Amino acid sequence: MFIPRYGRALIASPLILLAAAVIADESPTEAPRANPALQRFVQDLALSNPDVLAAGAALEASGALRDAAARPIYNPELSAEADSSADDARTLGISQTLDWAGKRQARSDAAERERLLAESRYQLSLWSFSTDLLTRLAAHQTATERDRLAAAAERAMTEFAELAERRFAAGDLNQVELSLARLAATDARIQCATRAGDLAAARQAVHGLAVDAPPSLWPQLLTPPPLTRTDRDAEVLVRGLPEVLMAQRQIELADARVAVRRKEKRPDPTLTLRAGEEADESLVGLSLSIPLFVRNRFDNEVRAALADRNEAQFSADAVLRRAYARVESARERYVLLRNAWDTWERAGQPSLELQTDQLRQFWEAGELSTADYLVQLRQTIEVQDNAFALRLALWEGWLEWLRASGQIDDWLALDVATVRR
């Protein structure tokens, strides 16, 4: 198909821009802060999110269990005996089992590891909620822009179809070209309805997390910043990830449980002091009893705890490997997307209205056939739509980078203790 020189100048392909952008090379750095309105929006919603609240309640429960584990294991026992006989003996005794093996300290250490693990789970729930909310906001913003673009395209195609009707009536167009114009207008209306449905779905997705916040209060997402050069390596970036901390604390918890099982293999003695009277004589007695772990030495419990510890270690190794791979992949993806977006912005894509006006002028002057006009107009709209898709992918890549590199809380100023309060 012949396309005039000035027609080709109006067409830009995002794929070509993306391919050219691969030349640039950047490295990650710490993320700057998001705008205060976005920070407050996420923090306010996190305060009322059920998943975050559930994780916070679990953290509070683990703190209470930690305090309970720090209390003494055994309470004293009071006993009384009376013997109605010739000697008429009466005694009162008190007994106390002694934590000879140090079980209280071992259980307290294990409970503290449980609390730290719950703290990591709470942080993970907060991060997951924030990332999910921002991803849905980006999708809603993109759906809004695409809906506007589809509405503008429908208006342009409708005007073109009306103009084609007049030119056909004047004898300037044949029936085939008129049919093409009508089909183009119908297709534009279909696309507009489809984009409207996509926008409704995207709005509902945000409402799922922002139940009490109307769309008028939803913050706008600006273009995310580029990554600049830094000396930080992947090991430093993944060190504070909640899933990595959870895996490490699972190992620590497993170690603490092994210590508890080993302590439970050691018997604790019970000391009893008795005092009373028998046949008008005062009696004082002291006894010591020690359980004999003969029939059950609790070896199987220790073996099971050691196996659980090995499982935690292997799982932590797998989590760490995935975290390293994820941060490298997220960095590479975002650098490519950011370079493509920068190239797109430098290309200075003209507005849709200007392009459609120019193309229509060429068509009315007879320099473009109806088929060529429709092809170029659709390509112009497609380029704009692809630019919106690129911007959404850029935001998704940015959020993935923040999440993979452990900087989502810094970017949003999310302090775990502050959000819980």
Protein backbone atom coordinates (compact mmCIF):
# COMPACT_ATOMS: atom_id res chain seq x y z
CA MET A 1 0.00 0.00 0.00
CA PHE A 2 1.30 3.45 -0.93
CA ILE A 3 1.65 5.87 2.00
CA PRO A 4 2.86 9.41 1.26
CA ARG A 5 6.01 10.77 2.82
CA TYR A 6 4.13 13.08 5.17
CA GLY A 7 1.82 10.20 6.14
CA ARG A 8 4.71 7.99 7.20
CA ALA A 9 6.08 10.78 9.38
CA LEU A 10 2.95 10.60 11.49
CA ILE A 11 3.39 6.95 12.37
CA ALA A 12 5.64 5.92 15.26
CA SER A 13 6.00 2.37 16.48
CA PRO A 14 6.53 1.73 20.22
CA LEU A 15 8.25 -1.54 19.34
CA ILE A 16 10.95 0.36 17.45
CA LEU A 17 11.30 2.80 20.33
CA LEU A 18 11.62 -0.08 22.79
CA ALA A 19 14.25 -1.80 20.67
CA ALA A 20 16.29 1.39 20.43
CA ALA A 21 16.06 1.93 24.19
CA VAL A 22 17.92 -1.28 25.02
CA ILE A 23 21.18 0.51 24.23
CA ALA A 24 21.08 2.54 27.47
CA ASP A 25 22.54 1.02 30.62
CA GLU A 26 21.58 2.07 34.13
CA SER A 27 21.90 0.55 37.56
CA PRO A 28 19.54 0.58 40.56
CA THR A 29 19.59 2.96 43.46
CA GLU A 30 17.54 3.68 46.53
CA ALA A 31 14.03 4.82 45.69
CA PRO A 32 13.04 8.43 46.42
CA ARG A 33 9.90 9.16 48.38
CA ALA A 34 6.44 9.17 46.85
CA ASN A 35 4.40 12.34 47.02
CA PRO A 36 2.81 12.96 50.46
CA ALA A 37 -0.75 12.59 49.14
CA LEU A 38 0.00 9.10 47.87
CA GLN A 39 1.74 8.18 51.13
CA ARG A 40 -1.23 9.29 53.24
CA PHE A 41 -3.68 7.52 50.94
CA VAL A 42 -1.90 4.17 51.26
CA GLN A 43 -1.31 4.51 55.02
CA ASP A 44 -4.94 5.44 55.74
CA LEU A 45 -6.24 2.47 53.79
CA ALA A 46 -3.73 0.13 55.43
CA LEU A 47 -5.18 1.06 58.82
CA SER A 48 -8.55 -0.43 57.86
CA ASN A 49 -7.52 -3.29 55.57
CA PRO A 50 -8.76 -6.63 57.00
CA ASP A 51 -5.68 -8.60 55.95
CA VAL A 52 -3.34 -6.08 57.55
CA LEU A 53 -5.50 -5.94 60.67
CA ALA A 54 -5.54 -9.75 60.89
CA ALA A 55 -1.75 -9.87 60.66
CA GLY A 56 -1.55 -7.15 63.33
CA ALA A 57 -3.82 -9.15 65.63
CA ALA A 58 -1.66 -12.23 65.12
CA LEU A 59 1.39 -10.14 66.03
CA GLU A 60 -0.29 -8.96 69.24
CA ALA A 61 -1.22 -12.55 70.10
CA SER A 62 2.36 -13.67 69.59
CA GLY A 63 3.53 -10.91 71.93
CA ALA A 64 1.12 -12.10 74.61
CA LEU A 65 2.32 -15.68 74.16
CA ARG A 66 5.91 -14.50 74.46
CA ASP A 67 5.08 -12.81 77.76
CA ALA A 68 3.29 -15.96 78.90
CA ALA A 69 6.27 -18.15 78.05
CA ALA A 70 8.50 -15.92 80.16
CA ARG A 71 6.46 -16.78 83.26
CA PRO A 72 7.46 -19.73 85.52
CA ILE A 73 6.40 -23.13 84.22
CA TYR A 74 5.43 -24.76 87.51
CA ASN A 75 3.17 -23.44 90.25
CA PRO A 76 3.51 -24.62 93.86
CA GLU A 77 1.07 -27.23 95.16
CA LEU A 78 -0.50 -27.24 98.59
CA SER A 79 -1.54 -30.51 100.22
CA ALA A 80 -3.18 -31.44 103.55
CA GLU A 81 -3.55 -34.83 105.25
CA ALA A 82 -5.58 -35.91 108.27
CA ASP A 83 -5.59 -39.42 109.78
CA SER A 84 -8.28 -40.21 112.31
CA SER A 85 -6.55 -42.93 114.31
CA ALA A 86 -4.98 -43.47 117.67
CA ASP A 87 -2.14 -41.15 116.74
CA ASP A 88 -4.53 -38.57 115.21
CA ALA A 89 -1.99 -37.28 112.65
CA ARG A 90 -2.44 -34.06 110.75
CA THR A 91 0.04 -32.65 108.20
CA LEU A 92 0.20 -29.71 105.81
CA GLY A 93 2.59 -29.74 102.89
CA ILE A 94 3.75 -27.58 100.01
CA SER A 95 5.58 -28.83 96.96
CA GLN A 96 7.35 -27.10 94.12
CA THR A 97 8.68 -28.58 90.90
CA LEU A 98 11.98 -26.95 90.00
CA ASP A 99 12.89 -25.92 86.45
CA TRP A 100 16.21 -27.68 86.80
CA ALA A 101 16.81 -28.05 83.05
CA GLY A 102 16.07 -24.44 82.05
CA LYS A 103 12.87 -25.17 80.14
CA ARG A 104 11.43 -21.75 80.95
CA GLN A 105 14.25 -19.92 79.20
CA ALA A 106 14.14 -22.23 76.21
CA ARG A 107 10.38 -21.76 75.80
CA SER A 108 10.73 -18.02 76.21
CA ASP A 109 13.35 -17.93 73.45
CA ALA A 110 11.10 -19.96 71.16
CA ALA A 111 8.14 -17.66 71.85
CA GLU A 112 10.26 -14.62 71.02
CA ARG A 113 11.20 -16.23 67.71
CA GLU A 114 7.49 -16.79 67.08
CA ARG A 115 6.85 -13.10 67.74
CA LEU A 116 9.60 -12.02 65.34
CA LEU A 117 8.15 -14.34 62.71
CA ALA A 118 4.70 -12.80 63.20
CA GLU A 119 6.28 -9.36 62.87
CA SER A 120 7.72 -10.35 59.48
CA ARG A 121 4.34 -11.70 58.42
CA TYR A 122 2.75 -8.38 59.37
CA GLN A 123 5.32 -6.47 57.35
CA LEU A 124 4.73 -8.80 54.40
CA SER A 125 0.98 -8.22 54.56
CA LEU A 126 1.55 -4.47 54.66
CA TRP A 127 3.90 -4.59 51.68
CA SER A 128 1.59 -6.87 49.71
CA PHE A 129 -1.38 -4.60 50.34
CA SER A 130 0.55 -1.48 49.33
CA THR A 131 1.90 -3.04 46.14
CA ASP A 132 -1.50 -4.44 45.19
CA LEU A 133 -3.23 -1.11 45.81
CA LEU A 134 -0.71 0.86 43.75
CA THR A 135 -0.88 -1.68 40.92
CA ARG A 136 -4.66 -1.35 40.82
CA LEU A 137 -4.43 2.44 40.90
CA ALA A 138 -2.04 2.35 37.94
CA ALA A 139 -4.36 0.02 36.04
CA HIS A 140 -7.34 2.30 36.79
CA GLN A 141 -5.46 5.38 35.64
CA THR A 142 -4.45 3.63 32.43
CA ALA A 143 -8.01 2.41 31.86
CA THR A 144 -9.24 5.99 32.30
CA GLU A 145 -6.80 7.29 29.70
CA ARG A 146 -7.66 4.49 27.29
CA ASP A 147 -11.36 5.18 27.76
CA ARG A 148 -10.81 8.84 26.87
CA LEU A 149 -8.76 7.84 23.85
CA ALA A 150 -11.48 5.44 22.69
CA ALA A 151 -14.11 8.15 23.12
CA ALA A 152 -12.01 10.59 21.04
CA ALA A 153 -11.49 7.90 18.40
CA GLU A 154 -15.24 7.24 18.29
CA ARG A 155 -15.94 10.94 17.75
CA ALA A 156 -13.31 11.11 14.99
CA MET A 157 -14.65 8.01 13.24
CA THR A 158 -18.25 9.19 13.56
CA GLU A 159 -17.39 12.57 12.03
CA PHE A 160 -15.49 10.79 9.27
CA ALA A 161 -18.48 8.54 8.55
CA GLU A 162 -20.80 11.56 8.39
CA LEU A 163 -18.41 13.33 6.04
CA ALA A 164 -18.17 10.19 3.91
CA GLU A 165 -21.96 10.12 3.67
CA ARG A 166 -21.98 13.68 2.32
CA ARG A 167 -19.18 12.99 -0.14
CA PHE A 168 -20.93 9.84 -1.31
CA ALA A 169 -24.10 11.82 -1.88
CA ALA A 170 -22.03 14.32 -3.90
CA GLY A 171 -20.54 11.52 -5.97
CA ASP A 172 -16.99 11.93 -4.63
CA LEU A 173 -16.90 8.47 -2.97
CA ASN A 174 -17.97 5.05 -4.15
CA GLN A 175 -20.02 2.51 -2.21
CA VAL A 176 -16.96 0.50 -1.08
CA GLU A 177 -15.34 3.54 0.52
CA LEU A 178 -18.60 4.51 2.21
CA SER A 179 -18.91 0.99 3.63
CA LEU A 180 -15.37 1.22 4.97
CA ALA A 181 -16.20 4.48 6.72
CA ARG A 182 -19.34 2.99 8.26
CA LEU A 183 -17.48 -0.11 9.43
CA ALA A 184 -14.75 2.06 10.95
CA ALA A 185 -17.34 4.05 12.91
CA THR A 186 -19.00 0.85 14.12
CA ASP A 187 -15.65 -0.62 15.18
CA ALA A 188 -14.83 2.60 17.06
CA ARG A 189 -18.10 2.35 18.98
CA ILE A 190 -17.31 -1.27 19.86
CA GLN A 191 -13.84 -0.28 21.07
CA CYS A 192 -15.31 2.57 23.11
CA ALA A 193 -17.76 0.22 24.82
CA THR A 194 -14.98 -2.27 25.49
CA ARG A 195 -12.76 0.39 27.06
CA ALA A 196 -15.66 1.58 29.19
CA GLY A 197 -16.10 -1.95 30.48
CA ASP A 198 -12.39 -2.19 31.22
CA LEU A 199 -12.57 1.08 33.14
CA ALA A 200 -15.51 -0.17 35.21
CA ALA A 201 -13.59 -3.35 36.06
CA ALA A 202 -10.48 -1.37 37.00
CA ARG A 203 -12.55 0.98 39.19
CA GLN A 204 -14.14 -2.00 40.93
CA ALA A 205 -10.70 -3.51 41.56
CA VAL A 206 -9.56 -0.35 43.35
CA HIS A 207 -12.84 -0.21 45.30
CA GLY A 208 -12.03 -3.71 46.58
CA LEU A 209 -9.14 -2.23 48.57
CA ALA A 210 -10.32 1.38 48.92
CA VAL A 211 -13.87 0.68 50.06
CA ASP A 212 -14.54 3.98 51.80
CA ALA A 213 -12.51 6.22 49.47
CA PRO A 214 -14.44 7.68 46.51
CA PRO A 215 -12.68 7.92 43.13
CA SER A 216 -12.36 11.69 43.55
CA LEU A 217 -9.89 11.07 46.39
CA TRP A 218 -7.75 8.58 44.51
CA PRO A 219 -4.31 10.13 43.92
CA GLN A 220 -2.83 10.45 40.46
CA LEU A 221 0.30 8.46 39.72
CA LEU A 222 3.02 10.45 38.03
CA THR A 223 5.75 8.91 35.93
CA PRO A 224 8.07 6.94 38.26
CA PRO A 225 11.68 8.11 38.54
CA PRO A 226 14.61 6.50 36.73
CA LEU A 227 17.20 4.26 38.38
CA THR A 228 20.64 5.81 38.79
CA ARG A 229 24.01 4.23 39.45
CA THR A 230 24.77 2.80 42.91
CA ASP A 231 27.25 0.51 44.61
CA ARG A 232 24.63 -1.50 46.46
CA ASP A 233 24.56 -5.14 45.46
CA ALA A 234 21.77 -7.67 45.45
CA GLU A 235 22.75 -9.10 48.84
CA VAL A 236 22.22 -5.75 50.52
CA LEU A 237 18.93 -5.19 48.72
CA VAL A 238 17.35 -8.52 49.65
CA ARG A 239 18.52 -8.50 53.25
CA GLY A 240 15.46 -6.73 54.62
CA LEU A 241 12.81 -8.43 52.50
CA PRO A 242 9.97 -9.76 54.69
CA GLU A 243 10.01 -13.17 53.02
CA VAL A 244 13.77 -13.46 53.55
CA LEU A 245 13.40 -12.38 57.18
CA MET A 246 10.57 -14.86 57.60
CA ALA A 247 12.70 -17.67 56.22
CA GLN A 248 15.61 -16.76 58.49
CA ARG A 249 13.35 -16.49 61.52
CA GLN A 250 11.83 -19.87 60.67
CA ILE A 251 15.35 -21.28 61.04
CA GLU A 252 15.82 -19.47 64.34
CA LEU A 253 12.46 -20.71 65.56
CA ALA A 254 13.35 -24.26 64.53
CA ASP A 255 16.64 -23.98 66.46
CA ALA A 256 14.75 -22.73 69.50
CA ARG A 257 12.30 -25.63 69.29
CA VAL A 258 15.18 -28.10 69.08
CA ALA A 259 16.53 -26.56 72.28
CA VAL A 260 13.10 -26.92 73.91
CA ARG A 261 12.86 -30.60 72.92
CA ARG A 262 16.30 -31.28 74.30
CA LYS A 263 15.45 -29.54 77.55
CA GLU A 264 12.31 -31.65 77.82
CA LYS A 265 14.47 -34.78 77.85
CA ARG A 266 15.86 -33.71 81.21
CA PRO A 267 13.59 -34.43 84.23
CA ASP A 268 12.71 -31.74 86.74
CA PRO A 269 12.74 -32.65 90.44
CA THR A 270 9.89 -31.85 92.82
CA LEU A 271 10.71 -30.65 96.34
CA THR A 272 8.06 -31.13 99.06
CA LEU A 273 8.01 -29.68 102.58
CA ARG A 274 5.57 -31.10 105.14
CA ALA A 275 4.79 -30.06 108.69
CA GLY A 276 2.20 -31.33 111.19
CA GLU A 277 1.49 -33.16 114.42
CA GLU A 278 1.23 -36.82 115.29
CA ALA A 279 0.55 -38.12 118.81
CA ASP A 280 1.26 -34.71 120.33
CA GLU A 281 4.58 -34.54 118.53
CA SER A 282 5.57 -32.03 115.88
CA LEU A 283 6.61 -33.42 112.52
CA VAL A 284 8.72 -31.77 109.84
CA GLY A 285 9.56 -33.58 106.60
CA LEU A 286 11.37 -32.82 103.37
CA SER A 287 11.12 -35.04 100.32
CA LEU A 288 12.53 -35.01 96.83
CA SER A 289 11.07 -36.83 93.83
CA ILE A 290 12.51 -37.10 90.32
CA PRO A 291 10.62 -38.61 87.37
CA LEU A 292 12.44 -41.42 85.60
CA PHE A 293 12.39 -41.13 81.82
CA VAL A 294 12.80 -44.84 81.28
CA ARG A 295 9.80 -45.86 79.22
CA ASN A 296 9.93 -42.72 77.10
CA ARG A 297 13.16 -40.82 76.65
CA PHE A 298 11.58 -38.30 74.20
CA ASP A 299 14.21 -38.98 71.53
CA ASN A 300 11.69 -38.99 68.69
CA GLU A 301 10.57 -35.46 69.51
CA VAL A 302 14.16 -34.26 69.22
CA ARG A 303 14.63 -36.03 65.89
CA ALA A 304 11.44 -34.46 64.55
CA ALA A 305 12.56 -31.00 65.65
CA LEU A 306 15.92 -31.49 63.92
CA ALA A 307 14.15 -32.54 60.73
CA ASP A 308 11.96 -29.45 60.93
CA ARG A 309 15.09 -27.38 61.30
CA ASN A 310 16.56 -28.92 58.14
CA GLU A 311 13.32 -28.22 56.29
CA ALA A 312 13.44 -24.57 57.40
CA GLN A 313 17.05 -24.28 56.21
CA PHE A 314 16.30 -25.71 52.76
CA SER A 315 13.23 -23.51 52.41
CA ALA A 316 15.27 -20.45 53.37
CA ASP A 317 17.87 -21.30 50.73
CA ALA A 318 15.13 -21.52 48.10
CA VAL A 319 13.60 -18.20 49.21
CA LEU A 320 16.99 -16.50 49.06
CA ARG A 321 17.68 -17.78 45.56
CA ARG A 322 14.31 -16.58 44.33
CA ALA A 323 14.88 -13.20 45.96
CA TYR A 324 18.23 -12.74 44.19
CA ALA A 325 16.73 -13.74 40.85
CA ARG A 326 13.73 -11.47 41.39
CA VAL A 327 15.74 -8.35 42.18
CA GLU A 328 17.98 -8.82 39.16
CA SER A 329 15.02 -9.47 36.87
CA ALA A 330 13.09 -6.48 38.24
CA ARG A 331 16.08 -4.21 37.75
CA GLU A 332 16.62 -5.26 34.14
CA ARG A 333 12.93 -5.02 33.31
CA TYR A 334 12.51 -1.56 34.78
CA VAL A 335 15.64 -0.19 33.09
CA LEU A 336 14.35 -1.37 29.71
CA LEU A 337 10.87 0.03 30.30
CA ARG A 338 12.21 3.34 31.61
CA ASN A 339 14.51 3.76 28.62
CA ALA A 340 11.63 3.01 26.27
CA TRP A 341 9.44 5.57 28.02
CA ASP A 342 12.16 8.22 27.91
CA THR A 343 12.58 7.58 24.20
CA TRP A 344 8.84 7.88 23.69
CA GLU A 345 8.74 11.21 25.51
CA ARG A 346 11.69 12.54 23.50
CA ALA A 347 9.93 11.53 20.26
CA GLY A 348 7.33 14.21 20.98
CA GLN A 349 4.27 12.34 19.73
CA PRO A 350 1.76 14.96 18.45
CA SER A 351 -1.68 15.06 19.91
CA LEU A 352 -4.41 12.81 18.56
CA GLU A 353 -6.58 15.73 17.47
CA LEU A 354 -3.76 17.31 15.40
CA GLN A 355 -2.96 14.03 13.68
CA THR A 356 -6.57 13.26 12.83
CA ASP A 357 -7.06 16.78 11.45
CA GLN A 358 -3.99 16.49 9.23
CA LEU A 359 -4.94 13.06 7.97
CA ARG A 360 -8.47 14.20 7.20
CA GLN A 361 -7.11 17.19 5.27
CA PHE A 362 -4.98 14.84 3.15
CA TRP A 363 -7.99 12.61 2.56
CA GLU A 364 -10.26 15.50 1.62
CA ALA A 365 -7.61 16.81 -0.77
CA GLY A 366 -7.51 13.42 -2.46
CA GLU A 367 -3.91 12.73 -1.46
CA LEU A 368 -5.00 9.72 0.63
CA SER A 369 -7.47 7.05 -0.30
CA THR A 370 -10.18 6.13 2.17
CA ALA A 371 -8.45 2.83 2.95
CA ASP A 372 -5.08 4.54 3.50
CA TYR A 373 -6.70 7.16 5.70
CA LEU A 374 -8.35 4.56 7.90
CA VAL A 375 -5.15 2.51 8.18
CA GLN A 376 -3.08 5.52 9.26
CA LEU A 377 -5.73 6.83 11.60
CA ARG A 378 -6.00 3.44 13.32
CA GLN A 379 -2.22 3.24 13.57
CA THR A 380 -2.15 6.69 15.15
CA ILE A 381 -4.72 5.63 17.73
CA GLU A 382 -2.89 2.35 18.30
CA VAL A 383 0.38 4.20 18.97
CA GLN A 384 -1.36 6.32 21.61
CA ASP A 385 -2.93 3.23 23.15
CA ASN A 386 0.43 1.45 23.16
CA ALA A 387 1.95 4.43 24.92
CA PHE A 388 -0.64 4.06 27.69
CA ALA A 389 0.16 0.33 27.89
CA LEU A 390 3.87 1.16 28.12
CA ARG A 391 3.21 3.58 30.95
CA LEU A 392 1.23 0.93 32.83
CA ALA A 393 4.04 -1.58 32.30
CA LEU A 394 6.46 1.08 33.55
CA TRP A 395 4.48 1.47 36.76
CA GLU A 396 4.21 -2.27 37.22
CA GLY A 397 7.96 -2.58 36.69
CA TRP A 398 8.63 0.21 39.17
CA LEU A 399 6.47 -1.39 41.84
CA GLU A 400 8.06 -4.78 41.18
CA TRP A 401 11.49 -3.18 41.58
CA LEU A 402 10.50 -1.51 44.86
CA ARG A 403 9.05 -4.75 46.14
CA ALA A 404 11.94 -6.94 45.00
CA SER A 405 14.61 -4.58 46.31
CA GLY A 406 12.92 -4.02 49.67
CA GLN A 407 12.31 -0.28 49.21
CA ILE A 408 8.52 -0.08 49.07
CA ASP A 409 8.31 0.99 52.71
CA ASP A 410 10.95 3.72 52.22
CA TRP A 411 9.20 5.03 49.12
CA LEU A 412 5.82 5.16 50.87
CA ALA A 413 7.26 6.06 54.31
CA LEU A 414 5.55 2.99 55.75
CA ASP A 415 6.67 2.48 59.33
CA VAL A 416 5.29 -0.75 60.74
CA ALA A 417 4.88 0.52 64.30
CA THR A 418 3.32 3.81 63.13
CA VAL A 419 0.79 2.08 60.88
CA ARG A 420 -0.19 -0.31 63.69
CA ARG A 421 -0.82 2.58 66.06
